[in-house]
């Protein structure tokens, strides 16, 4: 029961976190779907557990670690990260609707 509650709270927190980040990025950069495009790179940084410089310095090792991390994800991790993706997509729709409604700052 405790694990299910933690999963629900974590998913909501990922949703809110990535909604907020995507909303601010969309507002500042005037690009509606920027975080949706960048979200896979955020997931890669969470999953691979290596330095980003390793993708340039040791690409074979880095991509093997990335594939290993993606294939060994637990269902709870997938659900939480999916909540973040839904938050980023939702922020894109909110920004788009605000722009259509006449809010020029968005």
N, C-alpha and C. Protein backbone atom coordinates (compact mmCIF):
# COMPACT_ATOMS: atom_id res chain seq x y z
N UNK A 1 0.82 -1.19 0.00
CA UNK A 1 0.00 0.00 0.00
C UNK A 1 0.86 1.26 0.00
N UNK A 2 1.94 1.23 0.79
CA UNK A 2 2.83 2.39 0.86
C UNK A 2 3.52 2.63 -0.47
N UNK A 3 3.92 1.55 -1.13
CA UNK A 3 4.59 1.69 -2.43
C UNK A 3 3.66 2.28 -3.48
N UNK A 4 2.40 1.89 -3.45
CA UNK A 4 1.43 2.45 -4.39
C UNK A 4 1.21 3.93 -4.14
N UNK A 5 1.13 4.32 -2.89
CA UNK A 5 0.98 5.73 -2.54
C UNK A 5 2.20 6.54 -2.99
N UNK A 6 3.40 5.98 -2.79
CA UNK A 6 4.62 6.65 -3.23
C UNK A 6 4.64 6.79 -4.75
N UNK A 7 4.17 5.79 -5.46
CA UNK A 7 4.13 5.83 -6.92
C UNK A 7 3.18 6.93 -7.39
N UNK A 8 2.02 7.03 -6.77
CA UNK A 8 1.04 8.04 -7.16
C UNK A 8 1.59 9.44 -6.89
N UNK A 9 2.16 9.64 -5.72
CA UNK A 9 2.71 10.96 -5.38
C UNK A 9 3.88 11.30 -6.29
N UNK A 10 4.75 10.34 -6.57
CA UNK A 10 5.89 10.59 -7.44
C UNK A 10 5.46 10.94 -8.86
N UNK A 11 4.44 10.26 -9.36
CA UNK A 11 3.95 10.54 -10.71
C UNK A 11 3.36 11.94 -10.77
N UNK A 12 2.60 12.32 -9.77
CA UNK A 12 2.03 13.67 -9.73
C UNK A 12 3.14 14.72 -9.63
N UNK A 13 4.16 14.44 -8.83
CA UNK A 13 5.27 15.38 -8.71
C UNK A 13 6.03 15.53 -10.02
N UNK A 14 6.27 14.43 -10.73
CA UNK A 14 6.93 14.51 -12.04
C UNK A 14 6.07 15.29 -13.02
N UNK A 15 4.76 15.08 -12.99
CA UNK A 15 3.85 15.82 -13.85
C UNK A 15 3.96 17.31 -13.59
N UNK A 16 3.86 17.70 -12.33
CA UNK A 16 3.89 19.12 -11.96
C UNK A 16 5.28 19.72 -12.27
N UNK A 17 6.33 18.99 -11.99
CA UNK A 17 7.69 19.48 -12.24
C UNK A 17 7.91 19.76 -13.71
N UNK A 18 7.60 18.80 -14.56
CA UNK A 18 7.85 18.98 -15.98
C UNK A 18 6.81 19.90 -16.64
N UNK A 19 5.61 19.99 -16.09
CA UNK A 19 4.66 20.98 -16.57
C UNK A 19 5.22 22.37 -16.33
N UNK A 20 5.73 22.60 -15.13
CA UNK A 20 6.27 23.92 -14.80
C UNK A 20 7.50 24.27 -15.63
N UNK A 21 8.41 23.33 -15.75
CA UNK A 21 9.62 23.59 -16.55
C UNK A 21 9.24 23.84 -18.00
N UNK A 22 8.37 23.02 -18.55
CA UNK A 22 7.97 23.18 -19.96
C UNK A 22 7.21 24.48 -20.16
N UNK A 23 6.36 24.85 -19.22
CA UNK A 23 5.60 26.10 -19.34
C UNK A 23 6.54 27.30 -19.38
N UNK A 24 7.50 27.32 -18.48
CA UNK A 24 8.44 28.44 -18.43
C UNK A 24 9.31 28.48 -19.69
N UNK A 25 9.83 27.32 -20.12
CA UNK A 25 10.63 27.29 -21.35
C UNK A 25 9.82 27.72 -22.56
N UNK A 26 8.59 27.24 -22.66
CA UNK A 26 7.73 27.62 -23.78
C UNK A 26 7.44 29.12 -23.77
N UNK A 27 7.26 29.66 -22.59
CA UNK A 27 6.96 31.08 -22.48
C UNK A 27 8.19 31.93 -22.83
N UNK A 28 9.35 31.54 -22.34
CA UNK A 28 10.55 32.33 -22.58
C UNK A 28 11.09 32.19 -24.00
N UNK A 29 11.03 31.00 -24.54
CA UNK A 29 11.62 30.75 -25.86
C UNK A 29 10.62 30.90 -27.00
N UNK A 30 9.35 31.16 -26.67
CA UNK A 30 8.29 31.33 -27.68
C UNK A 30 8.19 30.11 -28.60
N UNK A 31 8.43 28.96 -28.05
CA UNK A 31 8.33 27.71 -28.80
C UNK A 31 7.42 26.77 -28.04
N UNK A 32 6.36 26.32 -28.67
CA UNK A 32 5.31 25.60 -27.96
C UNK A 32 5.75 24.21 -27.49
N UNK A 33 6.51 23.50 -28.27
CA UNK A 33 6.79 22.10 -27.96
C UNK A 33 8.25 21.84 -27.62
N UNK A 34 8.99 22.84 -27.12
CA UNK A 34 10.43 22.68 -26.90
C UNK A 34 10.74 21.60 -25.85
N UNK A 35 9.99 21.55 -24.78
CA UNK A 35 10.29 20.57 -23.74
C UNK A 35 9.89 19.17 -24.17
N UNK A 36 8.90 19.06 -25.02
CA UNK A 36 8.52 17.75 -25.52
C UNK A 36 9.64 17.16 -26.37
N UNK A 37 10.37 18.02 -27.08
CA UNK A 37 11.51 17.58 -27.87
C UNK A 37 12.70 17.27 -26.97
N UNK A 38 12.90 18.06 -25.92
CA UNK A 38 14.03 17.87 -25.02
C UNK A 38 13.81 16.78 -23.98
N UNK A 39 12.58 16.37 -23.76
CA UNK A 39 12.27 15.41 -22.70
C UNK A 39 13.03 14.08 -22.83
N UNK A 40 13.17 13.50 -24.03
CA UNK A 40 13.94 12.26 -24.10
C UNK A 40 15.38 12.42 -23.60
N UNK A 41 15.99 13.56 -23.82
CA UNK A 41 17.35 13.78 -23.34
C UNK A 41 17.39 13.86 -21.81
N UNK A 42 16.34 14.40 -21.22
CA UNK A 42 16.24 14.43 -19.75
C UNK A 42 16.11 13.00 -19.23
N UNK A 43 15.30 12.20 -19.89
CA UNK A 43 15.14 10.79 -19.49
C UNK A 43 16.46 10.06 -19.63
N UNK A 44 17.18 10.31 -20.72
CA UNK A 44 18.47 9.66 -20.92
C UNK A 44 19.44 10.03 -19.81
N UNK A 45 19.43 11.28 -19.39
CA UNK A 45 20.32 11.72 -18.31
C UNK A 45 19.95 11.06 -16.98
N UNK A 46 18.67 10.80 -16.78
CA UNK A 46 18.23 10.14 -15.54
C UNK A 46 18.59 8.67 -15.57
N UNK A 47 18.42 8.03 -16.72
CA UNK A 47 18.53 6.57 -16.81
C UNK A 47 19.97 6.08 -16.92
N UNK A 48 20.83 6.78 -17.67
CA UNK A 48 22.14 6.22 -17.98
C UNK A 48 23.15 6.28 -16.84
N UNK A 49 23.02 7.23 -15.95
CA UNK A 49 23.88 7.37 -14.77
C UNK A 49 25.37 7.51 -15.10
N UNK A 50 25.65 8.19 -16.21
CA UNK A 50 27.05 8.48 -16.57
C UNK A 50 27.13 9.95 -16.94
N UNK A 51 28.34 10.43 -17.10
CA UNK A 51 28.56 11.82 -17.48
C UNK A 51 28.13 12.05 -18.92
N UNK A 52 27.60 13.22 -19.18
CA UNK A 52 27.19 13.56 -20.54
C UNK A 52 28.39 13.64 -21.47
N UNK A 53 29.55 14.01 -20.94
CA UNK A 53 30.77 14.09 -21.74
C UNK A 53 31.17 12.72 -22.27
N UNK A 54 30.76 11.65 -21.62
CA UNK A 54 31.10 10.31 -22.09
C UNK A 54 30.49 10.00 -23.45
N UNK A 55 29.42 10.68 -23.82
CA UNK A 55 28.83 10.46 -25.14
C UNK A 55 29.77 10.93 -26.25
N UNK A 56 30.65 11.88 -25.93
CA UNK A 56 31.63 12.36 -26.90
C UNK A 56 32.96 11.62 -26.73
N UNK A 57 33.38 11.43 -25.48
CA UNK A 57 34.68 10.83 -25.22
C UNK A 57 34.68 9.30 -25.37
N UNK A 58 33.62 8.65 -24.91
CA UNK A 58 33.51 7.19 -24.98
C UNK A 58 32.12 6.82 -25.49
N UNK A 59 31.83 7.05 -26.76
CA UNK A 59 30.46 6.87 -27.25
C UNK A 59 29.97 5.43 -27.18
N UNK A 60 30.82 4.46 -27.45
CA UNK A 60 30.38 3.07 -27.42
C UNK A 60 29.93 2.67 -26.02
N UNK A 61 30.73 3.02 -25.04
CA UNK A 61 30.40 2.74 -23.65
C UNK A 61 29.13 3.48 -23.23
N UNK A 62 29.04 4.77 -23.61
CA UNK A 62 27.91 5.60 -23.19
C UNK A 62 26.59 5.07 -23.75
N UNK A 63 26.58 4.74 -25.04
CA UNK A 63 25.33 4.27 -25.63
C UNK A 63 24.96 2.87 -25.14
N UNK A 64 25.96 2.06 -24.83
CA UNK A 64 25.64 0.75 -24.25
C UNK A 64 25.04 0.91 -22.86
N UNK A 65 25.54 1.87 -22.09
CA UNK A 65 24.97 2.15 -20.77
C UNK A 65 23.55 2.69 -20.89
N UNK A 66 23.33 3.51 -21.90
CA UNK A 66 22.00 4.06 -22.12
C UNK A 66 21.00 2.96 -22.47
N UNK A 67 21.37 2.08 -23.37
CA UNK A 67 20.49 0.97 -23.75
C UNK A 67 20.25 0.06 -22.55
N UNK A 68 21.31 -0.20 -21.80
CA UNK A 68 21.17 -1.04 -20.60
C UNK A 68 20.22 -0.39 -19.60
N UNK A 69 20.35 0.91 -19.40
CA UNK A 69 19.47 1.62 -18.46
C UNK A 69 18.02 1.63 -18.92
N UNK A 70 17.81 1.81 -20.22
CA UNK A 70 16.44 1.84 -20.74
C UNK A 70 15.77 0.47 -20.68
N UNK A 71 16.55 -0.59 -20.91
CA UNK A 71 15.96 -1.93 -20.91
C UNK A 71 15.76 -2.49 -19.50
N UNK A 72 16.44 -1.92 -18.52
CA UNK A 72 16.32 -2.41 -17.16
C UNK A 72 15.46 -1.51 -16.27
N UNK A 73 14.63 -0.69 -16.88
CA UNK A 73 13.75 0.18 -16.08
C UNK A 73 12.61 -0.64 -15.47
N UNK A 74 12.28 -0.31 -14.27
CA UNK A 74 11.17 -0.95 -13.59
C UNK A 74 9.86 -0.29 -14.02
N UNK A 75 8.74 -1.00 -13.89
CA UNK A 75 7.44 -0.40 -14.26
C UNK A 75 7.14 0.91 -13.52
N UNK A 76 7.54 1.00 -12.27
CA UNK A 76 7.30 2.24 -11.52
C UNK A 76 8.08 3.40 -12.13
N UNK A 77 9.31 3.15 -12.58
CA UNK A 77 10.10 4.19 -13.23
C UNK A 77 9.43 4.65 -14.52
N UNK A 78 8.92 3.71 -15.28
CA UNK A 78 8.26 4.04 -16.54
C UNK A 78 7.02 4.88 -16.28
N UNK A 79 6.26 4.53 -15.25
CA UNK A 79 5.04 5.28 -14.92
C UNK A 79 5.39 6.70 -14.49
N UNK A 80 6.42 6.86 -13.65
CA UNK A 80 6.81 8.19 -13.19
C UNK A 80 7.32 9.04 -14.35
N UNK A 81 8.16 8.49 -15.19
CA UNK A 81 8.69 9.25 -16.32
C UNK A 81 7.59 9.56 -17.33
N UNK A 82 6.63 8.68 -17.46
CA UNK A 82 5.48 8.96 -18.34
C UNK A 82 4.65 10.12 -17.80
N UNK A 83 4.54 10.21 -16.49
CA UNK A 83 3.86 11.36 -15.89
C UNK A 83 4.55 12.67 -16.22
N UNK A 84 5.87 12.67 -16.25
CA UNK A 84 6.61 13.86 -16.65
C UNK A 84 6.38 14.21 -18.10
N UNK A 85 6.35 13.20 -18.97
CA UNK A 85 6.09 13.45 -20.39
C UNK A 85 4.69 14.02 -20.59
N UNK A 86 3.72 13.49 -19.88
CA UNK A 86 2.35 14.01 -19.97
C UNK A 86 2.31 15.47 -19.49
N UNK A 87 3.08 15.78 -18.46
CA UNK A 87 3.15 17.17 -17.98
C UNK A 87 3.73 18.10 -19.02
N UNK A 88 4.79 17.67 -19.70
CA UNK A 88 5.41 18.50 -20.74
C UNK A 88 4.47 18.70 -21.92
N UNK A 89 3.75 17.66 -22.30
CA UNK A 89 2.79 17.77 -23.40
C UNK A 89 1.63 18.66 -23.01
N UNK A 90 1.15 18.52 -21.79
CA UNK A 90 0.05 19.35 -21.30
C UNK A 90 0.44 20.83 -21.29
N UNK A 91 1.68 21.12 -20.91
CA UNK A 91 2.14 22.51 -20.93
C UNK A 91 2.12 23.07 -22.35
N UNK A 92 2.47 22.25 -23.33
CA UNK A 92 2.41 22.70 -24.72
C UNK A 92 1.01 23.06 -25.14
N UNK A 93 0.04 22.23 -24.77
CA UNK A 93 -1.35 22.52 -25.10
C UNK A 93 -1.86 23.77 -24.38
N UNK A 94 -1.46 23.94 -23.11
CA UNK A 94 -1.89 25.11 -22.35
C UNK A 94 -1.33 26.38 -22.97
N UNK A 95 -0.05 26.38 -23.31
CA UNK A 95 0.57 27.55 -23.95
C UNK A 95 -0.11 27.85 -25.27
N UNK A 96 -0.37 26.82 -26.06
CA UNK A 96 -1.01 27.01 -27.36
C UNK A 96 -2.41 27.63 -27.19
N UNK A 97 -3.16 27.13 -26.23
CA UNK A 97 -4.50 27.69 -25.99
C UNK A 97 -4.45 29.11 -25.45
N UNK A 98 -3.45 29.42 -24.62
CA UNK A 98 -3.30 30.79 -24.13
C UNK A 98 -2.96 31.73 -25.27
N UNK A 99 -2.11 31.29 -26.19
CA UNK A 99 -1.77 32.14 -27.34
C UNK A 99 -2.99 32.36 -28.23
N UNK A 100 -3.78 31.32 -28.43
CA UNK A 100 -5.00 31.45 -29.23
C UNK A 100 -6.02 32.38 -28.57
N UNK A 101 -6.00 32.42 -27.26
CA UNK A 101 -6.94 33.28 -26.51
C UNK A 101 -6.51 34.74 -26.50
N UNK A 102 -5.34 35.03 -27.05
CA UNK A 102 -4.91 36.41 -27.16
C UNK A 102 -3.86 36.87 -26.17
N UNK A 103 -3.32 35.98 -25.38
CA UNK A 103 -2.27 36.35 -24.44
C UNK A 103 -0.96 36.43 -25.20
N UNK A 104 -0.52 37.64 -25.50
CA UNK A 104 0.67 37.82 -26.34
C UNK A 104 1.96 37.52 -25.62
N UNK A 105 1.96 37.57 -24.30
CA UNK A 105 3.21 37.27 -23.58
C UNK A 105 3.54 35.79 -23.62
N UNK A 106 2.59 34.98 -24.04
CA UNK A 106 2.83 33.55 -24.14
C UNK A 106 3.03 33.21 -25.59
